[in-house]
Amino acid sequence: MAKPTRFTPQMIAEYTAKGYWSPTPLSELWDRNARISPGVEAIVDSRTRLTWAGARTWIDRLASQLVDMGLERDEMIVAQLPNCVELSLLRVACEKAGVLLMQLLPALRRNEVEGILERVEPAGVVVPQTHGDRDYLGMIRDIRSCLPRLRHIFVDRGRPPPGAVSLREVMETAAALRSPAELSRRTIPGTDFFLVIHTSGTTGFPKFAEHPMCSRLSTFRHLAGEYGITAGDTVSILGPAPASYNGFGYFAAPAVGARTVILERFDARETLRTIEKERITVLGLVPAQLQMMLNDPDFRRHDLSSVKIVCCMGAPLPRELAVAAEAAISACRVVQSYGGVDSGAITYTPLEDPPGMRFGTVGVPFPGTEIKLCNDSGQELKSREPGIIWARGPCLSSGFYRDEKQTWEVWTTDGYTNTGDVGKRSESGHLVIMGRSKDVIIRGGQNIYPAEIEAMLFAHPRIAGVAIVGMPDTVLGEKACACVVVRNGEKLTFDEMISYLKRKEIASFKLPERLEIIDHMPVVADTQKVDKKSLQKDIAEKVAREAESGEGRSRVG
């Protein structure tokens, strides 16, 4: 049995008794919706439209096929697919067949994929038949000899090549179905983990976080109730498959019977067209995606009046961006939720909160969740000064797959995890994120929190994107560098940036001491999160070259 690494029977009993957790699996919600609303459209992508009844048939066919192919309970399938109906239903079918699922970002290359597969030892792998210019199937065939437990290769759709099975073909045509009773005996219960998600790996080799259904449903059932999401809504899946903000489509939608619309990959213009065409009401995304949509020249040509909720996750939300979004999409409310792949969900912004709280904080803890702010030694801080965020609660993950040592390095025996983020509490008690603890710039013993400066600069009318990173200094240890993307046709000088920040009346040691104008903001894989590690490496190399040449540029690049 795939028992969660750190969940104890006492923890499960406590959170279940308090109503936070349920043993209900995700597949049971799809079955319920198929009984209640069989002819209602459930899930849509660019090539497929299915009702709840049609989706249940596809799920049952695939789950039965997985059993027929000899996959044992708690064996793993790894899927490296773009967003599509097949991927969404594969998640449910795996749970129903008692098979674990790990989703990989489509952007990962052979070296990364091979390392991950060697670690998790899957029984099956699912890759695209065709996607862009990459040969995913060839990659898997090349590394198969290193994977002794790999018995099955699947492609998403189309006529499968020799030695592979088409998910689409199975879902559309498979005749033999296992009985509901037999599948019920195999189905992974909600308090066991069903999904393994890898981290982005920006600090080294990825970690593999376990996510039980009870914690995922606890998160998104609460958000659905808080934000008034019902069976009449249409929610979006916009980002790469493992992204947390896709949870509105994966979990909230089946929980309330709402429809899900999937974009294969994010493109601002195509997203705007799809929102208008499908009358999407709930958008889950990262702030960079929202910014790209607002910046699109065709933005005002599209009818976005259907949108009522825009929930940002995965990266800090600049206040000015949230204000601009609510002004541009007049019927919507912009909200936030905070957490991580390793940890799970921690806070959310209530809908009734005023704009200052919804935009300037990441809100309040989910029900049953506790937060404490600690110093570097793990001691809780009693004042309002910034500290490292520790959290525990029913929406959090259950540890790391096949890695008890790493689990207990990150989690305490009383259920707290060190998020690695620095935060503080506002006067109202809401949580404010200052940035990653590893991103804090220590200038001569004084801490500079990048998120604070980034929020100020983002409001500058000529700035389209900004990241504050540390650069080495022989005297002070580190200084702050502002990496800026300017709006089309605009210019920005170092002195103009400093004058703007001085008008904000911030401490002088927080002022950036270098400005780098860059063409675009680098992101990690296809997550749309800013790759600060890459920026910091580039700046460090520039500083080193300048020191060698005696150029000594410290103000503007």
Protein backbone atom coordinates (compact mmCIF):
# COMPACT_ATOMS: atom_id res chain seq x y z
CA MET A 1 0.00 0.00 0.00
CA ALA A 2 1.25 3.51 -0.88
CA LYS A 3 1.07 4.81 2.65
CA PRO A 4 2.08 8.46 3.07
CA THR A 5 5.58 8.82 4.50
CA ARG A 6 4.73 11.12 7.40
CA PHE A 7 0.98 10.71 8.00
CA THR A 8 0.23 8.77 11.19
CA PRO A 9 -3.05 7.00 12.06
CA GLN A 10 -3.56 9.63 14.77
CA MET A 11 -3.14 12.49 12.30
CA ILE A 12 -5.55 10.87 9.84
CA ALA A 13 -8.12 10.28 12.58
CA GLU A 14 -7.82 13.87 13.88
CA TYR A 15 -8.18 15.64 10.54
CA THR A 16 -10.95 13.27 9.45
CA ALA A 17 -12.90 13.84 12.69
CA LYS A 18 -12.58 17.60 12.25
CA GLY A 19 -13.97 17.38 8.71
CA TYR A 20 -10.82 18.46 6.87
CA TRP A 21 -10.10 15.06 5.33
CA SER A 22 -12.21 12.42 3.67
CA PRO A 23 -11.29 8.94 2.37
CA THR A 24 -13.25 9.80 -0.81
CA PRO A 25 -11.13 9.28 -3.93
CA LEU A 26 -11.25 11.65 -6.89
CA SER A 27 -12.72 8.96 -9.15
CA GLU A 28 -15.80 8.73 -6.95
CA LEU A 29 -16.55 12.40 -7.69
CA TRP A 30 -16.36 11.74 -11.44
CA ASP A 31 -18.67 8.74 -11.00
CA ARG A 32 -21.13 10.85 -8.99
CA ASN A 33 -21.20 13.60 -11.60
CA ALA A 34 -21.78 11.02 -14.36
CA ARG A 35 -24.82 9.73 -12.45
CA ILE A 36 -26.24 13.16 -11.65
CA SER A 37 -25.41 15.05 -14.87
CA PRO A 38 -24.56 12.44 -17.53
CA GLY A 39 -25.22 14.66 -20.55
CA VAL A 40 -23.57 17.82 -19.21
CA GLU A 41 -20.23 18.81 -20.75
CA ALA A 42 -17.41 18.07 -18.30
CA ILE A 43 -14.03 18.56 -19.96
CA VAL A 44 -12.77 20.28 -23.12
CA ASP A 45 -9.51 20.77 -24.99
CA SER A 46 -8.76 21.92 -28.56
CA ARG A 47 -9.66 18.51 -30.02
CA THR A 48 -12.00 16.83 -27.52
CA ARG A 49 -15.29 17.53 -25.76
CA LEU A 50 -16.69 15.01 -23.27
CA THR A 51 -19.74 14.87 -21.05
CA TRP A 52 -19.51 13.52 -17.52
CA ALA A 53 -20.88 10.18 -18.73
CA GLY A 54 -18.47 10.07 -21.66
CA ALA A 55 -15.53 10.93 -19.40
CA ARG A 56 -16.46 8.17 -16.94
CA THR A 57 -16.52 5.64 -19.79
CA TRP A 58 -13.03 6.73 -20.92
CA ILE A 59 -11.74 6.55 -17.33
CA ASP A 60 -13.18 3.07 -16.73
CA ARG A 61 -11.81 1.73 -20.02
CA LEU A 62 -8.31 2.98 -19.24
CA ALA A 63 -8.40 1.84 -15.60
CA SER A 64 -9.51 -1.64 -16.74
CA GLN A 65 -6.76 -1.73 -19.36
CA LEU A 66 -4.10 -0.86 -16.77
CA VAL A 67 -5.28 -3.78 -14.65
CA ASP A 68 -5.41 -6.11 -17.68
CA MET A 69 -1.84 -5.14 -18.60
CA GLY A 70 -0.65 -6.45 -15.27
CA LEU A 71 0.17 -3.21 -13.47
CA GLU A 72 0.26 -3.99 -9.77
CA ARG A 73 -1.29 -1.82 -7.12
CA ASP A 74 1.07 1.02 -6.16
CA GLU A 75 3.31 0.60 -9.19
CA MET A 76 3.97 3.90 -10.93
CA ILE A 77 3.26 5.45 -14.31
CA VAL A 78 5.24 8.55 -15.30
CA ALA A 79 3.55 10.91 -17.77
CA GLN A 80 5.41 13.61 -19.69
CA LEU A 81 2.53 15.13 -21.60
CA PRO A 82 1.29 18.60 -22.47
CA ASN A 83 -2.11 19.54 -21.11
CA CYS A 84 -4.89 17.52 -22.73
CA VAL A 85 -8.06 15.61 -21.89
CA GLU A 86 -6.14 12.33 -21.97
CA LEU A 87 -3.77 13.52 -19.24
CA SER A 88 -6.58 14.73 -16.97
CA LEU A 89 -8.45 11.46 -17.28
CA LEU A 90 -5.25 9.42 -16.90
CA ARG A 91 -4.91 10.90 -13.41
CA VAL A 92 -8.36 9.60 -12.47
CA ALA A 93 -7.90 6.22 -14.19
CA CYS A 94 -4.60 5.60 -12.38
CA GLU A 95 -6.22 6.28 -9.02
CA LYS A 96 -9.10 3.94 -9.93
CA ALA A 97 -6.68 1.18 -10.97
CA GLY A 98 -4.56 1.62 -7.84
CA VAL A 99 -1.57 2.91 -9.84
CA LEU A 100 0.56 5.88 -8.75
CA LEU A 101 1.16 8.74 -11.18
CA MET A 102 4.02 11.17 -11.56
CA GLN A 103 3.76 14.04 -14.04
CA LEU A 104 6.88 15.53 -15.61
CA LEU A 105 7.18 18.98 -17.12
CA PRO A 106 7.24 18.69 -20.94
CA ALA A 107 10.36 20.90 -21.02
CA LEU A 108 12.57 18.38 -19.21
CA ARG A 109 15.28 16.87 -21.43
CA ARG A 110 16.85 13.43 -21.62
CA ASN A 111 19.42 13.91 -18.84
CA GLU A 112 16.76 15.10 -16.39
CA VAL A 113 14.16 12.52 -17.44
CA GLU A 114 16.61 9.64 -17.25
CA GLY A 115 17.70 10.61 -13.74
CA ILE A 116 14.11 10.89 -12.52
CA LEU A 117 13.01 7.59 -14.06
CA GLU A 118 15.98 5.76 -12.57
CA ARG A 119 14.98 7.08 -9.15
CA VAL A 120 11.26 6.23 -9.24
CA GLU A 121 11.47 3.01 -11.33
CA PRO A 122 8.15 3.27 -13.20
CA ALA A 123 6.27 0.33 -14.68
CA GLY A 124 4.90 2.56 -17.44
CA VAL A 125 5.73 5.79 -19.22
CA VAL A 126 3.37 8.05 -21.21
CA VAL A 127 4.79 10.48 -23.77
CA PRO A 128 3.39 12.46 -26.72
CA GLN A 129 3.23 10.85 -30.13
CA THR A 130 4.23 14.25 -31.51
CA HIS A 131 4.82 17.53 -29.69
CA GLY A 132 6.92 20.33 -31.12
CA ASP A 133 10.22 19.18 -32.57
CA ARG A 134 11.18 16.73 -29.82
CA ASP A 135 11.24 12.96 -30.15
CA TYR A 136 9.90 11.92 -26.74
CA LEU A 137 9.29 8.33 -27.83
CA GLY A 138 12.84 8.00 -29.14
CA MET A 139 14.19 9.36 -25.86
CA ILE A 140 12.32 6.71 -23.84
CA ARG A 141 13.46 3.93 -26.15
CA ASP A 142 17.07 5.09 -25.82
CA ILE A 143 17.02 4.98 -22.00
CA ARG A 144 14.77 1.94 -21.59
CA SER A 145 17.75 -0.37 -21.01
CA CYS A 146 18.47 1.57 -17.79
CA LEU A 147 14.93 0.98 -16.51
CA PRO A 148 14.49 -2.73 -15.69
CA ARG A 149 10.98 -2.28 -14.27
CA LEU A 150 9.62 -0.40 -17.29
CA ARG A 151 7.23 -2.76 -19.06
CA HIS A 152 4.80 -0.45 -20.86
CA ILE A 153 5.17 2.59 -23.11
CA PHE A 154 2.08 4.64 -23.91
CA VAL A 155 1.53 7.49 -26.36
CA ASP A 156 -1.21 10.03 -25.89
CA ARG A 157 -3.10 9.67 -29.17
CA GLY A 158 -2.84 8.50 -32.78
CA ARG A 159 -1.91 5.08 -34.17
CA PRO A 160 0.71 3.71 -31.76
CA PRO A 161 4.08 2.55 -33.10
CA PRO A 162 5.17 -1.06 -32.45
CA GLY A 163 5.68 -1.74 -28.76
CA ALA A 164 3.50 1.16 -27.57
CA VAL A 165 -0.16 1.61 -26.57
CA SER A 166 -2.33 4.64 -27.42
CA LEU A 167 -4.23 6.13 -24.46
CA ARG A 168 -6.77 7.61 -26.82
CA GLU A 169 -7.34 4.31 -28.58
CA VAL A 170 -7.89 2.51 -25.27
CA MET A 171 -10.23 5.22 -23.98
CA GLU A 172 -12.31 5.26 -27.18
CA THR A 173 -12.48 1.58 -28.10
CA ALA A 174 -11.51 -0.80 -25.29
CA ALA A 175 -14.32 -3.31 -24.84
CA ALA A 176 -13.43 -5.30 -21.71
CA LEU A 177 -14.32 -3.46 -18.52
CA ARG A 178 -13.51 -4.60 -15.01
CA SER A 179 -16.49 -4.62 -12.69
CA PRO A 180 -17.11 -1.57 -10.46
CA ALA A 181 -16.60 -3.79 -7.42
CA GLU A 182 -13.20 -4.97 -8.66
CA LEU A 183 -12.03 -1.43 -9.46
CA SER A 184 -13.35 -0.25 -6.11
CA ARG A 185 -11.07 -2.76 -4.36
CA ARG A 186 -8.08 -1.37 -6.28
CA THR A 187 -8.90 2.34 -5.96
CA ILE A 188 -6.44 4.35 -3.89
CA PRO A 189 -8.30 5.80 -0.87
CA GLY A 190 -8.16 9.51 -0.24
CA THR A 191 -5.81 9.26 2.74
CA ASP A 192 -3.15 7.37 0.76
CA PHE A 193 -1.04 9.33 -1.70
CA PHE A 194 -1.91 8.94 -5.37
CA LEU A 195 0.20 11.62 -7.05
CA VAL A 196 3.92 12.36 -6.97
CA ILE A 197 5.06 15.79 -8.14
CA HIS A 198 8.67 16.73 -8.78
CA THR A 199 10.09 20.09 -7.81
CA SER A 200 11.56 22.35 -10.49
CA GLY A 201 15.08 21.46 -9.42
CA THR A 202 16.51 24.99 -9.32
CA THR A 203 18.59 24.11 -6.24
CA GLY A 204 19.82 20.73 -7.46
CA PHE A 205 18.23 17.41 -8.37
CA PRO A 206 14.42 17.45 -8.12
CA LYS A 207 12.62 16.16 -5.04
CA PHE A 208 9.46 14.06 -5.32
CA ALA A 209 6.58 15.24 -3.14
CA GLU A 210 3.69 12.92 -2.26
CA HIS A 211 0.20 14.38 -2.54
CA PRO A 212 -2.73 12.46 -1.04
CA MET A 213 -6.21 13.15 -2.39
CA CYS A 214 -7.45 14.18 1.07
CA SER A 215 -5.08 17.17 1.20
CA ARG A 216 -5.69 18.23 -2.42
CA LEU A 217 -9.47 18.06 -2.04
CA SER A 218 -9.30 19.81 1.33
CA THR A 219 -7.55 22.72 -0.40
CA PHE A 220 -9.72 23.09 -3.47
CA ARG A 221 -13.07 22.27 -1.87
CA HIS A 222 -12.41 25.14 0.50
CA LEU A 223 -11.41 27.48 -2.31
CA ALA A 224 -14.49 26.46 -4.31
CA GLY A 225 -16.72 27.33 -1.36
CA GLU A 226 -14.82 30.52 -0.54
CA TYR A 227 -14.95 31.78 -4.12
CA GLY A 228 -18.47 30.61 -4.92
CA ILE A 229 -17.50 28.06 -7.60
CA THR A 230 -20.46 25.87 -8.56
CA ALA A 231 -21.60 23.43 -11.23
CA GLY A 232 -22.45 26.42 -13.43
CA ASP A 233 -18.83 27.56 -13.66
CA THR A 234 -16.12 26.88 -16.23
CA VAL A 235 -12.61 26.65 -14.83
CA SER A 236 -9.29 26.69 -16.65
CA ILE A 237 -6.12 24.61 -16.89
CA LEU A 238 -3.55 26.97 -18.40
CA GLY A 239 -0.10 25.96 -17.22
CA PRO A 240 2.16 22.90 -17.30
CA ALA A 241 0.45 19.82 -15.91
CA PRO A 242 1.99 19.61 -12.40
CA ALA A 243 1.34 23.31 -11.62
CA SER A 244 -0.60 23.95 -8.41
CA TYR A 245 -2.93 26.51 -10.01
CA ASN A 246 -4.31 23.79 -12.28
CA GLY A 247 -5.93 22.36 -9.16
CA PHE A 248 -9.09 24.33 -9.92
CA GLY A 249 -9.51 22.07 -12.95
CA TYR A 250 -8.18 18.86 -11.41
CA PHE A 251 -9.93 19.04 -8.03
CA ALA A 252 -12.36 21.94 -7.57
CA ALA A 253 -14.23 21.26 -10.83
CA PRO A 254 -15.09 17.58 -10.15
CA ALA A 255 -15.81 18.40 -6.51
CA VAL A 256 -18.64 20.77 -7.50
CA GLY A 257 -19.47 19.44 -10.98
CA ALA A 258 -18.02 22.42 -12.89
CA ARG A 259 -16.72 22.25 -16.46
CA THR A 260 -12.97 22.33 -17.21
CA VAL A 261 -11.35 23.90 -20.29
CA ILE A 262 -7.74 22.92 -21.03
CA LEU A 263 -5.12 24.80 -23.06
CA GLU A 264 -2.36 22.56 -24.39
CA ARG A 265 0.22 25.26 -23.74
CA PHE A 266 -0.03 28.83 -22.53
CA ASP A 267 -0.14 31.55 -25.15
CA ALA A 268 -1.56 34.91 -24.10
CA ARG A 269 -3.53 35.57 -27.28
CA GLU A 270 -4.91 32.03 -27.52
CA THR A 271 -5.88 32.17 -23.85
CA LEU A 272 -7.85 35.38 -24.43
CA ARG A 273 -9.65 33.79 -27.39
CA THR A 274 -10.46 30.69 -25.36
CA ILE A 275 -11.79 32.66 -22.39
CA GLU A 276 -14.16 34.49 -24.71
CA LYS A 277 -15.21 31.42 -26.71
CA GLU A 278 -15.73 29.07 -23.75
CA ARG A 279 -16.98 31.72 -21.29
CA ILE A 280 -14.42 30.74 -18.66
CA THR A 281 -15.31 32.05 -15.20
CA VAL A 282 -12.34 30.94 -13.05
CA LEU A 283 -8.68 31.46 -14.01
CA GLY A 284 -5.86 29.85 -12.04
CA LEU A 285 -2.43 31.11 -13.15
CA VAL A 286 0.91 32.62 -12.21
CA PRO A 287 1.26 36.43 -12.24
CA ALA A 288 3.50 36.34 -15.32
CA GLN A 289 0.68 34.79 -17.35
CA LEU A 290 -1.74 37.47 -16.18
CA GLN A 291 0.79 40.15 -17.11
CA MET A 292 1.25 38.69 -20.61
CA MET A 293 -2.50 38.70 -21.21
CA LEU A 294 -2.88 42.31 -20.07
CA ASN A 295 0.08 43.34 -22.27
CA ASP A 296 -1.29 41.64 -25.38
CA PRO A 297 -2.19 44.25 -28.04
CA ASP A 298 -5.49 42.44 -28.69
CA PHE A 299 -6.52 42.37 -25.02
CA ARG A 300 -9.35 44.90 -25.30
CA ARG A 301 -10.80 43.23 -28.39
CA HIS A 302 -11.89 40.22 -26.35
CA ASP A 303 -15.02 39.86 -24.24
CA LEU A 304 -13.79 38.69 -20.83
CA SER A 305 -16.97 39.56 -18.95
CA SER A 306 -17.48 35.92 -17.95
CA VAL A 307 -14.40 35.93 -15.67
CA LYS A 308 -15.30 36.29 -12.00
CA ILE A 309 -12.21 34.86 -10.24
CA VAL A 310 -8.52 35.24 -11.09
CA CYS A 311 -6.44 33.27 -8.58
CA CYS A 312 -2.68 33.78 -8.70
CA MET A 313 -0.34 31.13 -7.31
CA GLY A 314 3.27 30.07 -7.66
CA ALA A 315 4.98 33.48 -7.56
CA PRO A 316 4.59 36.90 -5.87
CA LEU A 317 1.70 38.99 -7.20
CA PRO A 318 2.67 42.65 -7.72
CA ARG A 319 0.00 44.95 -6.32
CA GLU A 320 -0.05 47.09 -9.47
CA LEU A 321 -0.70 44.04 -11.63
CA ALA A 322 -3.68 43.02 -9.50
CA VAL A 323 -5.09 46.55 -9.60
CA ALA A 324 -4.68 46.67 -13.38
CA ALA A 325 -6.36 43.27 -13.81
CA GLU A 326 -9.43 44.22 -11.80
CA ALA A 327 -9.70 47.48 -13.70
CA ALA A 328 -9.39 45.73 -17.08
CA ILE A 329 -11.68 42.77 -16.27
CA SER A 330 -14.40 44.68 -14.50
CA ALA A 331 -16.44 41.76 -13.17
CA CYS A 332 -13.53 39.81 -11.66
CA ARG A 333 -11.88 39.63 -8.27
CA VAL A 334 -8.15 38.91 -8.06
CA VAL A 335 -7.17 36.61 -5.20
CA GLN A 336 -4.07 34.67 -4.18
CA SER A 337 -3.09 31.37 -2.64
CA TYR A 338 0.31 30.52 -1.20
CA GLY A 339 2.10 27.21 -0.82
CA GLY A 340 4.61 25.04 -2.64
CA VAL A 341 5.14 21.76 -4.44
CA ASP A 342 7.10 20.41 -1.45
CA SER A 343 4.70 21.64 1.20
CA GLY A 344 1.22 21.95 -0.28
CA ALA A 345 -1.27 24.78 0.31
CA ILE A 346 -0.82 27.14 3.26
CA THR A 347 -2.82 30.39 2.85
CA TYR A 348 -5.46 32.01 0.65
CA THR A 349 -7.03 35.47 0.39
CA PRO A 350 -10.73 35.58 1.34
CA LEU A 351 -12.99 37.03 -1.32
CA GLU A 352 -14.50 39.61 1.02
CA ASP A 353 -11.12 41.07 1.95
CA PRO A 354 -10.54 44.64 0.70
CA PRO A 355 -8.14 45.10 -2.22
CA GLY A 356 -5.27 46.13 0.05
CA MET A 357 -5.36 42.78 1.80
CA ARG A 358 -6.02 40.70 -1.33
CA PHE A 359 -3.17 42.36 -3.22
CA GLY A 360 -0.69 43.17 -0.45
CA THR A 361 -0.78 39.84 1.39
CA VAL A 362 -1.20 36.15 0.63
CA GLY A 363 -4.06 36.01 3.09
CA VAL A 364 -4.90 33.76 5.99
CA PRO A 365 -4.21 30.08 6.73
CA PHE A 366 -6.51 27.42 5.34
CA PRO A 367 -8.82 25.96 7.99
CA GLY A 368 -6.83 23.82 10.41
CA THR A 369 -3.49 25.22 9.20
CA GLU A 370 -1.03 26.80 11.63
CA ILE A 371 1.84 29.14 10.77
CA LYS A 372 4.82 30.29 12.79
CA LEU A 373 7.70 32.61 11.86
CA CYS A 374 11.13 31.46 13.02
CA ASN A 375 14.74 32.57 13.00
CA ASP A 376 17.50 30.62 11.25
CA SER A 377 17.75 28.29 14.25
CA GLY A 378 14.08 27.36 14.09
CA GLN A 379 13.08 29.37 17.18
CA GLU A 380 9.70 31.07 16.88
CA LEU A 381 9.75 34.87 16.72
CA LYS A 382 7.22 36.70 18.87
CA SER A 383 7.60 40.14 17.31
CA ARG A 384 6.36 41.31 13.89
CA GLU A 385 9.82 41.10 12.34
CA PRO A 386 10.29 38.92 9.25
CA GLY A 387 11.04 35.27 9.80
CA ILE A 388 11.19 31.95 7.97
CA ILE A 389 7.70 30.52 7.47
CA TRP A 390 6.94 27.16 9.09
CA ALA A 391 3.52 25.59 8.58
CA ARG A 392 1.45 22.51 9.40
CA GLY A 393 -2.11 21.53 8.52
CA PRO A 394 -4.50 19.33 6.53
CA CYS A 395 -3.71 20.85 3.12
CA LEU A 396 -0.04 19.94 3.21
CA SER A 397 1.79 17.10 1.47
CA SER A 398 2.75 13.83 3.09
CA GLY A 399 6.53 13.91 2.57
CA PHE A 400 8.91 12.77 -0.13
CA TYR A 401 8.45 9.61 -2.17
CA ARG A 402 10.81 6.80 -1.13
CA ASP A 403 12.86 9.20 0.96
CA GLU A 404 12.23 9.19 4.70
CA LYS A 405 15.59 10.82 5.37
CA GLN A 406 14.78 13.85 3.24
CA THR A 407 11.24 13.97 4.61
CA TRP A 408 12.43 14.28 8.20
CA GLU A 409 15.05 16.84 7.24
CA VAL A 410 12.23 19.13 6.09
CA TRP A 411 9.36 18.11 8.41
CA THR A 412 9.25 17.97 12.20
CA THR A 413 7.63 15.12 14.10
CA ASP A 414 4.85 17.49 15.23
CA GLY A 415 3.90 18.21 11.60
CA TYR A 416 5.63 21.51 10.76
CA THR A 417 7.61 22.09 7.58
CA ASN A 418 10.20 24.76 6.85
CA THR A 419 9.00 26.40 3.63
CA GLY A 420 12.25 28.26 3.01
CA ASP A 421 10.25 31.46 2.48
CA VAL A 422 10.60 34.62 4.53
CA GLY A 423 7.41 36.36 5.64
CA LYS A 424 5.89 38.70 8.17
CA ARG A 425 2.42 39.34 9.55
CA SER A 426 0.51 42.47 8.62
CA GLU A 427 -1.40 44.52 11.19
CA SER A 428 -4.49 42.46 10.35
CA GLY A 429 -2.61 39.19 10.89
CA HIS A 430 -2.45 38.33 7.18
CA LEU A 431 0.76 36.79 5.86
CA VAL A 432 3.10 38.89 3.69
CA ILE A 433 5.78 37.10 1.65
CA MET A 434 9.18 38.80 1.58
CA GLY A 435 10.90 36.24 -0.65
CA ARG A 436 12.87 32.99 -0.51
CA SER A 437 15.30 32.83 2.40
CA LYS A 438 18.04 31.85 -0.08
CA ASP A 439 17.21 34.96 -2.14
CA VAL A 440 17.61 37.40 0.76
CA ILE A 441 20.49 39.75 -0.02
CA ILE A 442 22.74 40.40 2.99
CA ARG A 443 24.49 43.71 2.40
CA GLY A 444 27.06 44.36 5.11
CA GLY A 445 24.92 42.51 7.66
CA GLN A 446 21.64 44.20 6.63
CA ASN A 447 18.90 42.12 5.00
CA ILE A 448 17.33 43.20 1.71
CA TYR A 449 14.13 41.35 0.81
CA PRO A 450 13.79 41.33 -3.00
CA ALA A 451 9.98 41.08 -3.08
CA GLU A 452 9.67 44.44 -1.31
CA ILE A 453 11.77 46.28 -3.91
CA GLU A 454 10.30 44.35 -6.83
CA ALA A 455 6.78 45.38 -5.85
CA MET A 456 7.81 49.04 -5.82
CA LEU A 457 9.59 48.92 -9.17
CA PHE A 458 6.81 46.95 -10.84
CA ALA A 459 4.58 49.98 -10.35
CA HIS A 460 6.94 52.10 -12.48
CA PRO A 461 5.15 52.96 -15.75
CA ARG A 462 8.15 52.02 -17.92
CA ILE A 463 8.86 48.64 -16.30
CA ALA A 464 7.26 45.47 -17.63
CA GLY A 465 9.19 43.01 -15.47
CA VAL A 466 11.70 43.15 -12.64
CA ALA A 467 13.79 40.81 -10.50
CA ILE A 468 16.09 41.88 -7.67
CA VAL A 469 19.09 39.56 -7.21
CA GLY A 470 22.28 39.65 -5.22
CA MET A 471 25.66 40.34 -6.79
CA PRO A 472 29.03 39.70 -5.11
CA ASP A 473 30.92 42.56 -3.48
CA THR A 474 34.41 42.31 -1.97
CA VAL A 475 33.62 44.76 0.85
CA LEU A 476 29.95 44.28 1.75
CA GLY A 477 29.57 40.65 0.68
CA GLU A 478 26.54 41.33 -1.50
CA LYS A 479 24.75 44.20 -3.16
CA ALA A 480 21.38 44.38 -4.89
CA CYS A 481 21.09 44.39 -8.66
CA ALA A 482 17.84 45.25 -10.46
CA CYS A 483 17.23 43.16 -13.61
CA VAL A 484 14.56 45.00 -15.57
CA VAL A 485 12.54 44.43 -18.72
CA VAL A 486 11.27 47.79 -20.00
CA ARG A 487 8.06 48.29 -21.93
CA ASN A 488 8.27 48.48 -25.73
CA GLY A 489 10.11 51.56 -26.91
CA GLU A 490 10.79 52.84 -23.39
CA LYS A 491 14.11 53.63 -21.72
CA LEU A 492 15.15 53.65 -18.09
CA THR A 493 18.36 54.94 -16.54
CA PHE A 494 19.92 53.99 -13.24
CA ASP A 495 19.40 57.49 -11.83
CA GLU A 496 15.73 57.49 -12.83
CA MET A 497 15.22 54.17 -11.07
CA ILE A 498 16.93 55.38 -7.88
CA SER A 499 15.00 58.66 -7.85
CA TYR A 500 11.76 56.72 -8.21
CA LEU A 501 12.61 54.45 -5.29
CA LYS A 502 13.76 57.32 -3.09
CA ARG A 503 10.32 58.88 -3.50
CA LYS A 504 8.98 55.70 -1.87
CA GLU A 505 11.01 56.65 1.22
CA ILE A 506 12.80 53.36 1.74
CA ALA A 507 16.05 52.81 3.63
CA SER A 508 19.07 53.71 1.51
CA PHE A 509 20.76 50.31 2.01
CA LYS A 510 17.84 48.68 0.12
CA LEU A 511 18.47 50.69 -3.04
CA PRO A 512 19.79 48.57 -5.94
CA GLU A 513 23.38 49.43 -6.83
CA ARG A 514 23.24 48.20 -10.39
CA LEU A 515 20.65 48.22 -13.17
CA GLU A 516 20.67 45.55 -15.87
CA ILE A 517 18.26 46.07 -18.76
CA ILE A 518 17.40 42.65 -20.23
CA ASP A 519 15.29 41.68 -23.23
CA HIS A 520 13.14 39.15 -21.40
CA MET A 521 12.82 37.57 -17.99
CA PRO A 522 14.21 34.00 -17.93
CA VAL A 523 11.87 31.38 -16.51
CA VAL A 524 12.34 27.92 -15.04
CA ALA A 525 11.39 25.26 -17.62
CA ASP A 526 7.82 26.03 -18.71
CA THR A 527 6.56 27.09 -15.28
CA GLN A 528 6.61 30.86 -16.06
CA LYS A 529 8.45 31.41 -12.74
CA VAL A 530 11.42 33.77 -12.89
CA ASP A 531 14.75 31.93 -12.89
CA LYS A 532 16.65 34.07 -10.39
CA LYS A 533 19.45 31.55 -10.18
CA SER A 534 20.21 32.15 -13.86
CA LEU A 535 20.11 35.94 -13.43
CA GLN A 536 22.35 35.81 -10.38
CA LYS A 537 24.87 33.64 -12.23
CA ASP A 538 24.94 36.05 -15.19
CA ILE A 539 25.48 39.08 -12.96
CA ALA A 540 28.22 37.36 -10.96
CA GLU A 541 30.06 36.51 -14.18
CA LYS A 542 29.75 40.11 -15.41
CA VAL A 543 31.06 41.48 -12.12
CA ALA A 544 34.01 39.08 -12.25
CA ARG A 545 34.89 40.07 -15.83
CA GLU A 546 34.67 43.76 -14.99
CA ALA A 547 36.93 43.29 -11.97
CA GLU A 548 39.53 41.54 -14.13
CA SER A 549 39.44 44.25 -16.79
CA GLY A 550 39.37 47.08 -14.27
CA GLU A 551 36.13 48.39 -15.77
CA GLY A 552 34.37 48.36 -12.41
CA ARG A 553 30.87 49.16 -13.62
CA SER A 554 28.65 49.28 -10.57
CA ARG A 555 25.73 51.37 -11.63
CA VAL A 556 24.18 50.39 -14.92
CA GLY A 557 24.47 47.63 -17.49
